[in-house]
Amino acid sequence: MNTEAVPAVLLAAGMSRRLGRPKALVSVNGRTLVEWAHERLLAANCTPVVVVNTDIESEIKALLPNAHIVVNPQPDLGRTGSLQLGLRTVVQVLGYEIQRLVMVPVDRPCWNVTLLKTLLEHEGNVAPAHDGRKGHPVVLEGEGLATVSQAQQDTPLRDLVHFAPVSVFAPWLNMNIDTPEDVDQLLAEGEHLSSCFSESEGI
C-alpha cells in the first residue's frame, strides 16, 4: 500500500448553465461541494490540492483560504483542459514531481474518504466502479499522465485514458449535479448523505 502524499486536481470550472448557479457552491449539511471535496482529499493524504475554477475565484478563496486556486479562462473546452491546467500548476508553479495524481470533478460529489483511500491502494490508472459502472474520483499514473499532458484540451478524458475499475459499494457514486432537480435529489434523505456528507468520514 502506497502511503505517500498524492497531488490532486479538483475541477470546479464548469459553467453551470442548466443549474443556474455555481455547482461548487451548492451546500450540503453546512458545507459547499468544493469544501467537502477539498477536505476529503486532504483527509486521504492528497496534497497539494489545486482547485481549478472560472469565475468564482474570490468565493472559493474565502471558503478555502489555504488552497491553491487557478482560473481556467476557457472552461468550455472541457475537463481535459482544466485538468491540464491543474497538472501544470502542480509541476511548474508548486514544483512537485508527479508520479500519481487524483482528479475530482466537483459535480460528482458522492464519494468519501474511505472510497478514495481504497482507490489509492491500487496501482495504475484506476476509477471506482459500482455494479460495473465507473465513476469519480480517478487516479492517473505514468502513461495516463503523459497522455493527458499532450492531448488537445477539448478531448474527453474517457477517450484518452483507460481506467481500470476498482469495485466499491457505492450506489450513489454516479450522482451528477447538473440541474436543480439533481440538487433536490442530492439534498433528499438517503444513505448517500450519511456516507458522503458527515463528520464521521474522517473530516
C-alpha atoms as a PDB file:
ATOM      1  CA  MET A   1       0.000   0.000   0.000  1.00  0.00           C
ATOM      2  CA  ASN A   2       1.334   3.411  -1.021  1.00  0.00           C
ATOM      3  CA  THR A   3       1.103   5.889   1.852  1.00  0.00           C
ATOM      4  CA  GLU A   4       2.932   8.792   0.205  1.00  0.00           C
ATOM      5  CA  ALA A   5       1.063  12.038  -0.365  1.00  0.00           C
ATOM      6  CA  VAL A   6      -0.548  12.268  -3.803  1.00  0.00           C
ATOM      7  CA  PRO A   7      -1.285  15.597  -5.537  1.00  0.00           C
ATOM      8  CA  ALA A   8      -4.880  16.251  -6.563  1.00  0.00           C
ATOM      9  CA  VAL A   9      -6.727  18.457  -9.016  1.00  0.00           C
ATOM     10  CA  LEU A  10     -10.252  19.492  -8.043  1.00  0.00           C
ATOM     11  CA  LEU A  11     -12.219  20.613 -11.099  1.00  0.00           C
ATOM     12  CA  ALA A  12     -14.715  23.375 -10.343  1.00  0.00           C
ATOM     13  CA  ALA A  13     -14.676  25.276 -13.644  1.00  0.00           C
ATOM     14  CA  GLY A  14     -17.981  24.118 -15.136  1.00  0.00           C
ATOM     15  CA  MET A  15     -20.252  26.886 -16.388  1.00  0.00           C
ATOM     16  CA  SER A  16     -23.369  25.552 -14.579  1.00  0.00           C
ATOM     17  CA  ARG A  17     -25.759  26.843 -17.253  1.00  0.00           C
ATOM     18  CA  ARG A  18     -28.506  24.313 -16.561  1.00  0.00           C
ATOM     19  CA  LEU A  19     -28.177  24.666 -12.803  1.00  0.00           C
ATOM     20  CA  GLY A  20     -28.176  28.458 -12.937  1.00  0.00           C
ATOM     21  CA  ARG A  21     -25.588  28.842 -10.171  1.00  0.00           C
ATOM     22  CA  PRO A  22     -22.061  27.568  -9.473  1.00  0.00           C
ATOM     23  CA  LYS A  23     -22.046  23.856  -8.720  1.00  0.00           C
ATOM     24  CA  ALA A  24     -19.069  24.297  -6.415  1.00  0.00           C
ATOM     25  CA  LEU A  25     -21.136  26.494  -4.088  1.00  0.00           C
ATOM     26  CA  VAL A  26     -24.081  24.112  -3.655  1.00  0.00           C
ATOM     27  CA  SER A  27     -24.376  23.498   0.093  1.00  0.00           C
ATOM     28  CA  VAL A  28     -24.928  20.105   1.733  1.00  0.00           C
ATOM     29  CA  ASN A  29     -25.062  19.685   5.515  1.00  0.00           C
ATOM     30  CA  GLY A  30     -23.489  23.079   6.134  1.00  0.00           C
ATOM     31  CA  ARG A  31     -20.609  22.869   3.641  1.00  0.00           C
ATOM     32  CA  THR A  32     -20.314  23.628  -0.047  1.00  0.00           C
ATOM     33  CA  LEU A  33     -19.402  20.890  -2.501  1.00  0.00           C
ATOM     34  CA  VAL A  34     -15.976  22.410  -3.077  1.00  0.00           C
ATOM     35  CA  GLU A  35     -15.310  22.388   0.684  1.00  0.00           C
ATOM     36  CA  TRP A  36     -16.407  18.769   1.062  1.00  0.00           C
ATOM     37  CA  ALA A  37     -14.198  17.645  -1.820  1.00  0.00           C
ATOM     38  CA  HIS A  38     -11.182  19.645  -0.647  1.00  0.00           C
ATOM     39  CA  GLU A  39     -11.457  18.381   2.934  1.00  0.00           C
ATOM     40  CA  ARG A  40     -11.873  14.759   1.833  1.00  0.00           C
ATOM     41  CA  LEU A  41      -8.812  15.000  -0.395  1.00  0.00           C
ATOM     42  CA  LEU A  42      -6.694  16.316   2.462  1.00  0.00           C
ATOM     43  CA  ALA A  43      -8.058  13.628   4.797  1.00  0.00           C
ATOM     44  CA  ALA A  44      -6.978  10.978   2.270  1.00  0.00           C
ATOM     45  CA  ASN A  45      -3.413  12.391   2.234  1.00  0.00           C
ATOM     46  CA  CYS A  46      -3.793  14.154  -1.104  1.00  0.00           C
ATOM     47  CA  THR A  47      -1.578  17.222  -1.205  1.00  0.00           C
ATOM     48  CA  PRO A  48      -1.147  19.684  -2.736  1.00  0.00           C
ATOM     49  CA  VAL A  49      -4.726  20.180  -3.921  1.00  0.00           C
ATOM     50  CA  VAL A  50      -5.157  22.524  -6.881  1.00  0.00           C
ATOM     51  CA  VAL A  51      -8.674  23.903  -7.380  1.00  0.00           C
ATOM     52  CA  VAL A  52      -9.418  24.891 -10.984  1.00  0.00           C
ATOM     53  CA  ASN A  53     -12.303  27.345 -11.359  1.00  0.00           C
ATOM     54  CA  THR A  54     -13.597  30.000 -13.731  1.00  0.00           C
ATOM     55  CA  ASP A  55     -15.438  32.975 -12.320  1.00  0.00           C
ATOM     56  CA  ILE A  56     -15.817  32.347  -8.579  1.00  0.00           C
ATOM     57  CA  GLU A  57     -12.194  32.660  -7.510  1.00  0.00           C
ATOM     58  CA  SER A  58     -12.934  35.111  -4.696  1.00  0.00           C
ATOM     59  CA  GLU A  59     -15.734  32.933  -3.318  1.00  0.00           C
ATOM     60  CA  ILE A  60     -13.532  29.835  -3.297  1.00  0.00           C
ATOM     61  CA  LYS A  61     -10.645  31.751  -1.713  1.00  0.00           C
ATOM     62  CA  ALA A  62     -12.979  32.839   1.072  1.00  0.00           C
ATOM     63  CA  LEU A  63     -14.031  29.214   1.664  1.00  0.00           C
ATOM     64  CA  LEU A  64     -10.578  27.673   1.184  1.00  0.00           C
ATOM     65  CA  PRO A  65      -8.024  30.335   2.132  1.00  0.00           C
ATOM     66  CA  ASN A  66      -5.117  27.868   2.091  1.00  0.00           C
ATOM     67  CA  ALA A  67      -5.982  26.184  -1.200  1.00  0.00           C
ATOM     68  CA  HIS A  68      -4.043  26.561  -4.444  1.00  0.00           C
ATOM     69  CA  ILE A  69      -6.570  28.141  -6.820  1.00  0.00           C
ATOM     70  CA  VAL A  70      -6.121  28.682 -10.558  1.00  0.00           C
ATOM     71  CA  VAL A  71      -8.505  30.166 -13.119  1.00  0.00           C
ATOM     72  CA  ASN A  72      -9.331  28.429 -16.386  1.00  0.00           C
ATOM     73  CA  PRO A  73     -10.171  31.133 -18.953  1.00  0.00           C
ATOM     74  CA  GLN A  74     -11.609  28.555 -21.396  1.00  0.00           C
ATOM     75  CA  PRO A  75     -13.834  26.172 -19.420  1.00  0.00           C
ATOM     76  CA  ASP A  76     -15.988  25.399 -22.456  1.00  0.00           C
ATOM     77  CA  LEU A  77     -13.142  23.285 -23.830  1.00  0.00           C
ATOM     78  CA  GLY A  78     -13.958  20.684 -21.203  1.00  0.00           C
ATOM     79  CA  ARG A  79     -12.454  18.846 -18.278  1.00  0.00           C
ATOM     80  CA  THR A  80      -9.256  17.813 -20.009  1.00  0.00           C
ATOM     81  CA  GLY A  81      -8.149  21.429 -20.425  1.00  0.00           C
ATOM     82  CA  SER A  82      -8.899  22.138 -16.772  1.00  0.00           C
ATOM     83  CA  LEU A  83      -7.026  19.001 -15.728  1.00  0.00           C
ATOM     84  CA  GLN A  84      -4.021  20.054 -17.816  1.00  0.00           C
ATOM     85  CA  LEU A  85      -4.046  23.468 -16.147  1.00  0.00           C
ATOM     86  CA  GLY A  86      -4.126  21.860 -12.712  1.00  0.00           C
ATOM     87  CA  LEU A  87      -1.367  19.448 -13.662  1.00  0.00           C
ATOM     88  CA  ARG A  88       0.867  22.269 -14.919  1.00  0.00           C
ATOM     89  CA  THR A  89       0.242  24.186 -11.713  1.00  0.00           C
ATOM     90  CA  VAL A  90       1.343  21.252  -9.563  1.00  0.00           C
ATOM     91  CA  VAL A  91       4.524  20.754 -11.599  1.00  0.00           C
ATOM     92  CA  GLN A  92       5.574  24.221 -12.766  1.00  0.00           C
ATOM     93  CA  VAL A  93       4.209  26.539 -10.078  1.00  0.00           C
ATOM     94  CA  LEU A  94       4.352  24.362  -6.968  1.00  0.00           C
ATOM     95  CA  GLY A  95       7.442  22.439  -8.061  1.00  0.00           C
ATOM     96  CA  TYR A  96       6.250  18.877  -7.498  1.00  0.00           C
ATOM     97  CA  GLU A  97       7.410  15.835  -9.421  1.00  0.00           C
ATOM     98  CA  ILE A  98       4.305  13.810 -10.135  1.00  0.00           C
ATOM     99  CA  GLN A  99       4.129  10.029 -10.137  1.00  0.00           C
ATOM    100  CA  ARG A 100       0.398   9.848  -9.431  1.00  0.00           C
ATOM    101  CA  LEU A 101      -2.471  12.329  -9.497  1.00  0.00           C
ATOM    102  CA  VAL A 102      -6.040  12.283  -8.207  1.00  0.00           C
ATOM    103  CA  MET A 103      -8.667  14.085 -10.286  1.00  0.00           C
ATOM    104  CA  VAL A 104     -12.064  15.004  -8.846  1.00  0.00           C
ATOM    105  CA  PRO A 105     -14.882  16.909 -10.591  1.00  0.00           C
ATOM    106  CA  VAL A 106     -16.887  18.933  -8.088  1.00  0.00           C
ATOM    107  CA  ASP A 107     -20.176  17.967  -9.753  1.00  0.00           C
ATOM    108  CA  ARG A 108     -19.681  14.265  -8.915  1.00  0.00           C
ATOM    109  CA  PRO A 109     -19.771  14.721  -5.141  1.00  0.00           C
ATOM    110  CA  CYS A 110     -20.935  11.350  -3.812  1.00  0.00           C
ATOM    111  CA  TRP A 111     -17.707   9.701  -2.741  1.00  0.00           C
ATOM    112  CA  ASN A 112     -15.953   9.606   0.589  1.00  0.00           C
ATOM    113  CA  VAL A 113     -12.541   9.322   2.208  1.00  0.00           C
ATOM    114  CA  THR A 114     -12.784   5.551   2.562  1.00  0.00           C
ATOM    115  CA  LEU A 115     -13.520   5.143  -1.151  1.00  0.00           C
ATOM    116  CA  LEU A 116     -10.576   7.317  -2.161  1.00  0.00           C
ATOM    117  CA  LYS A 117      -8.190   5.514   0.185  1.00  0.00           C
ATOM    118  CA  THR A 118      -9.323   2.216  -1.330  1.00  0.00           C
ATOM    119  CA  LEU A 119      -8.654   3.602  -4.803  1.00  0.00           C
ATOM    120  CA  LEU A 120      -5.171   4.745  -3.818  1.00  0.00           C
ATOM    121  CA  GLU A 121      -4.264   1.229  -2.684  1.00  0.00           C
ATOM    122  CA  HIS A 122      -4.345   0.150  -6.341  1.00  0.00           C
ATOM    123  CA  GLU A 123      -1.661   0.862  -8.918  1.00  0.00           C
ATOM    124  CA  GLY A 124      -2.177   2.256 -12.402  1.00  0.00           C
ATOM    125  CA  ASN A 125      -4.941   4.408 -13.857  1.00  0.00           C
ATOM    126  CA  VAL A 126      -7.973   3.454 -11.785  1.00  0.00           C
ATOM    127  CA  ALA A 127     -11.557   4.521 -11.130  1.00  0.00           C
ATOM    128  CA  PRO A 128     -14.140   3.338  -8.605  1.00  0.00           C
ATOM    129  CA  ALA A 129     -16.930   1.194 -10.020  1.00  0.00           C
ATOM    130  CA  HIS A 130     -20.278   0.197  -8.535  1.00  0.00           C
ATOM    131  CA  ASP A 131     -22.004  -2.704 -10.310  1.00  0.00           C
ATOM    132  CA  GLY A 132     -19.552  -2.293 -13.175  1.00  0.00           C
ATOM    133  CA  ARG A 133     -20.257   1.392 -13.781  1.00  0.00           C
ATOM    134  CA  LYS A 134     -17.210   3.571 -13.258  1.00  0.00           C
ATOM    135  CA  GLY A 135     -17.258   6.980 -11.578  1.00  0.00           C
ATOM    136  CA  HIS A 136     -15.053   9.524  -9.812  1.00  0.00           C
ATOM    137  CA  PRO A 137     -12.538  10.326  -8.350  1.00  0.00           C
ATOM    138  CA  VAL A 138      -9.927   8.807 -10.659  1.00  0.00           C
ATOM    139  CA  VAL A 139      -6.216   8.195 -10.185  1.00  0.00           C
ATOM    140  CA  LEU A 140      -3.766   8.750 -13.039  1.00  0.00           C
ATOM    141  CA  GLU A 141      -0.229   7.422 -13.257  1.00  0.00           C
ATOM    142  CA  GLY A 142       2.642   7.231 -15.736  1.00  0.00           C
ATOM    143  CA  GLU A 143       1.409   6.854 -19.293  1.00  0.00           C
ATOM    144  CA  GLY A 144      -2.011   8.215 -18.374  1.00  0.00           C
ATOM    145  CA  LEU A 145      -0.488  11.440 -17.069  1.00  0.00           C
ATOM    146  CA  ALA A 146       1.725  11.759 -20.147  1.00  0.00           C
ATOM    147  CA  THR A 147      -1.217  11.217 -22.490  1.00  0.00           C
ATOM    148  CA  VAL A 148      -3.326  13.853 -20.750  1.00  0.00           C
ATOM    149  CA  SER A 149      -0.466  16.354 -20.742  1.00  0.00           C
ATOM    150  CA  GLN A 150      -0.024  16.084 -24.514  1.00  0.00           C
ATOM    151  CA  ALA A 151      -3.692  15.929 -25.533  1.00  0.00           C
ATOM    152  CA  GLN A 152      -5.901  18.526 -27.161  1.00  0.00           C
ATOM    153  CA  GLN A 153      -7.791  20.450 -24.484  1.00  0.00           C
ATOM    154  CA  ASP A 154     -11.213  19.512 -25.831  1.00  0.00           C
ATOM    155  CA  THR A 155     -10.582  15.746 -25.993  1.00  0.00           C
ATOM    156  CA  PRO A 156     -12.760  13.885 -23.465  1.00  0.00           C
ATOM    157  CA  LEU A 157     -10.739  12.171 -20.762  1.00  0.00           C
ATOM    158  CA  ARG A 158     -12.507   8.862 -21.449  1.00  0.00           C
ATOM    159  CA  ASP A 159     -11.036   8.916 -24.973  1.00  0.00           C
ATOM    160  CA  LEU A 160      -7.507   9.412 -23.634  1.00  0.00           C
ATOM    161  CA  VAL A 161      -7.104   7.056 -20.695  1.00  0.00           C
ATOM    162  CA  HIS A 162      -8.462   3.617 -19.890  1.00  0.00           C
ATOM    163  CA  PHE A 163      -9.241   3.463 -16.186  1.00  0.00           C
ATOM    164  CA  ALA A 164      -9.230   0.012 -14.635  1.00  0.00           C
ATOM    165  CA  PRO A 165     -12.291  -0.431 -12.395  1.00  0.00           C
ATOM    166  CA  VAL A 166     -11.901  -0.829  -8.645  1.00  0.00           C
ATOM    167  CA  SER A 167     -15.047  -2.426  -7.281  1.00  0.00           C
ATOM    168  CA  VAL A 168     -16.723  -0.483  -4.458  1.00  0.00           C
ATOM    169  CA  PHE A 169     -20.152  -0.495  -2.851  1.00  0.00           C
ATOM    170  CA  ALA A 170     -21.432   2.990  -3.579  1.00  0.00           C
ATOM    171  CA  PRO A 171     -24.903   3.043  -5.180  1.00  0.00           C
ATOM    172  CA  TRP A 172     -24.791   6.842  -5.219  1.00  0.00           C
ATOM    173  CA  LEU A 173     -21.379   7.027  -6.953  1.00  0.00           C
ATOM    174  CA  ASN A 174     -22.609   8.443 -10.253  1.00  0.00           C
ATOM    175  CA  MET A 175     -24.973  11.067  -8.900  1.00  0.00           C
ATOM    176  CA  ASN A 176     -24.294  14.059 -11.164  1.00  0.00           C
ATOM    177  CA  ILE A 177     -25.081  17.683 -10.299  1.00  0.00           C
ATOM    178  CA  ASP A 178     -26.228  19.451 -13.473  1.00  0.00           C
ATOM    179  CA  THR A 179     -29.775  20.677 -12.828  1.00  0.00           C
ATOM    180  CA  PRO A 180     -31.951  21.974  -9.967  1.00  0.00           C
ATOM    181  CA  GLU A 181     -33.593  18.537  -9.905  1.00  0.00           C
ATOM    182  CA  ASP A 182     -30.184  16.952  -9.349  1.00  0.00           C
ATOM    183  CA  VAL A 183     -29.625  19.237  -6.363  1.00  0.00           C
ATOM    184  CA  ASP A 184     -33.022  18.254  -4.965  1.00  0.00           C
ATOM    185  CA  GLN A 185     -32.014  14.597  -5.264  1.00  0.00           C
ATOM    186  CA  LEU A 186     -28.672  15.307  -3.609  1.00  0.00           C
ATOM    187  CA  LEU A 187     -30.339  17.026  -0.662  1.00  0.00           C
ATOM    188  CA  ALA A 188     -33.077  14.411  -0.262  1.00  0.00           C
ATOM    189  CA  GLU A 189     -32.777  11.993   2.634  1.00  0.00           C
ATOM    190  CA  GLY A 190     -30.764   8.937   1.748  1.00  0.00           C
ATOM    191  CA  GLU A 191     -27.767   6.793   2.589  1.00  0.00           C
ATOM    192  CA  HIS A 192     -25.540   8.996   0.441  1.00  0.00           C
ATOM    193  CA  LEU A 193     -25.875  11.843   2.957  1.00  0.00           C
ATOM    194  CA  SER A 194     -24.578   9.821   5.905  1.00  0.00           C
ATOM    195  CA  SER A 195     -21.964   8.030   3.798  1.00  0.00           C
ATOM    196  CA  CYS A 196     -20.536  11.040   1.972  1.00  0.00           C
ATOM    197  CA  PHE A 197     -21.502  14.194   3.846  1.00  0.00           C
ATOM    198  CA  SER A 198     -20.882  13.531   7.528  1.00  0.00           C
ATOM    199  CA  GLU A 199     -18.169  14.247  10.063  1.00  0.00           C
ATOM    200  CA  SER A 200     -17.670  10.506  10.569  1.00  0.00           C
ATOM    201  CA  GLU A 201     -15.791  10.265   7.275  1.00  0.00           C
ATOM    202  CA  GLY A 202     -12.530  11.387   8.840  1.00  0.00           C
ATOM    203  CA  ILE A 203     -13.011  15.054   8.029  1.00  0.00           C
END
